[in-house]
Amino acid sequence: MSATLEFVAPDATVQAAAVLMGELEVGALPVGRMGRAATSSPPSATSATPW
């Protein structure tokens, strides 16, 4: 395991993310910016897409 955190910027292209994933030999990367925590809230019942 690495002691450093690697992530991809929210405005990065899919190609840039794929290149970084290949270089790091990982299957996923967190999306974010340096110094900012990623936050998300679950969708509300009124905005949820019915399946």
C-alpha atoms as a PDB file:
ATOM      1  CA  MET A   1       0.000   0.000   0.000  1.00  0.00           C
ATOM      2  CA  SER A   2       1.151   3.521  -0.759  1.00  0.00           C
ATOM      3  CA  ALA A   3       1.525   6.260   1.827  1.00  0.00           C
ATOM      4  CA  THR A   4       0.479   8.904  -0.718  1.00  0.00           C
ATOM      5  CA  LEU A   5      -2.964   9.639  -2.087  1.00  0.00           C
ATOM      6  CA  GLU A   6      -3.351   9.979  -5.828  1.00  0.00           C
ATOM      7  CA  PHE A   7      -6.517  11.403  -7.306  1.00  0.00           C
ATOM      8  CA  VAL A   8      -7.825  12.839 -10.544  1.00  0.00           C
ATOM      9  CA  ALA A   9      -9.293  16.335 -10.914  1.00  0.00           C
ATOM     10  CA  PRO A  10     -13.040  16.614 -11.550  1.00  0.00           C
ATOM     11  CA  ASP A  11     -12.369  18.364 -14.871  1.00  0.00           C
ATOM     12  CA  ALA A  12      -9.799  15.798 -16.089  1.00  0.00           C
ATOM     13  CA  THR A  13     -10.581  13.830 -19.223  1.00  0.00           C
ATOM     14  CA  VAL A  14     -11.368  10.152 -19.108  1.00  0.00           C
ATOM     15  CA  GLN A  15      -8.204   9.575 -21.129  1.00  0.00           C
ATOM     16  CA  ALA A  16      -6.074  11.401 -18.529  1.00  0.00           C
ATOM     17  CA  ALA A  17      -7.658   9.350 -15.749  1.00  0.00           C
ATOM     18  CA  ALA A  18      -7.044   6.129 -17.675  1.00  0.00           C
ATOM     19  CA  VAL A  19      -3.375   7.015 -18.240  1.00  0.00           C
ATOM     20  CA  LEU A  20      -2.884   7.754 -14.547  1.00  0.00           C
ATOM     21  CA  MET A  21      -4.657   4.526 -13.581  1.00  0.00           C
ATOM     22  CA  GLY A  22      -2.334   2.604 -15.896  1.00  0.00           C
ATOM     23  CA  GLU A  23       0.761   4.266 -14.480  1.00  0.00           C
ATOM     24  CA  LEU A  24      -0.353   3.527 -10.929  1.00  0.00           C
ATOM     25  CA  GLU A  25      -1.637   0.045 -11.815  1.00  0.00           C
ATOM     26  CA  VAL A  26      -4.958   0.661 -10.070  1.00  0.00           C
ATOM     27  CA  GLY A  27      -8.566   0.019 -11.061  1.00  0.00           C
ATOM     28  CA  ALA A  28     -10.072   3.159  -9.533  1.00  0.00           C
ATOM     29  CA  LEU A  29      -9.100   6.682  -8.522  1.00  0.00           C
ATOM     30  CA  PRO A  30     -10.833   9.147  -6.227  1.00  0.00           C
ATOM     31  CA  VAL A  31     -11.960  12.380  -7.848  1.00  0.00           C
ATOM     32  CA  GLY A  32     -11.162  15.651  -6.102  1.00  0.00           C
ATOM     33  CA  ARG A  33      -8.874  18.624  -5.703  1.00  0.00           C
ATOM     34  CA  MET A  34      -5.924  19.202  -3.393  1.00  0.00           C
ATOM     35  CA  GLY A  35      -7.078  20.602  -0.068  1.00  0.00           C
ATOM     36  CA  ARG A  36     -10.770  19.990  -0.639  1.00  0.00           C
ATOM     37  CA  ALA A  37     -12.681  17.065   0.763  1.00  0.00           C
ATOM     38  CA  ALA A  38     -15.125  15.384  -1.561  1.00  0.00           C
ATOM     39  CA  THR A  39     -18.655  15.677  -0.326  1.00  0.00           C
ATOM     40  CA  SER A  40     -21.830  14.287  -1.688  1.00  0.00           C
ATOM     41  CA  SER A  41     -25.302  13.839  -0.408  1.00  0.00           C
ATOM     42  CA  PRO A  42     -27.632  11.014  -1.275  1.00  0.00           C
ATOM     43  CA  PRO A  43     -30.331  11.882  -3.806  1.00  0.00           C
ATOM     44  CA  SER A  44     -33.618  12.977  -2.341  1.00  0.00           C
ATOM     45  CA  ALA A  45     -36.725  10.887  -2.834  1.00  0.00           C
ATOM     46  CA  THR A  46     -38.122  13.506  -5.220  1.00  0.00           C
ATOM     47  CA  SER A  47     -35.020  13.568  -7.436  1.00  0.00           C
ATOM     48  CA  ALA A  48     -34.384   9.826  -7.561  1.00  0.00           C
ATOM     49  CA  THR A  49     -34.776   8.165 -10.933  1.00  0.00           C
ATOM     50  CA  PRO A  50     -37.344   5.361 -10.795  1.00  0.00           C
ATOM     51  CA  TRP A  51     -36.035   2.013 -12.004  1.00  0.00           C
END
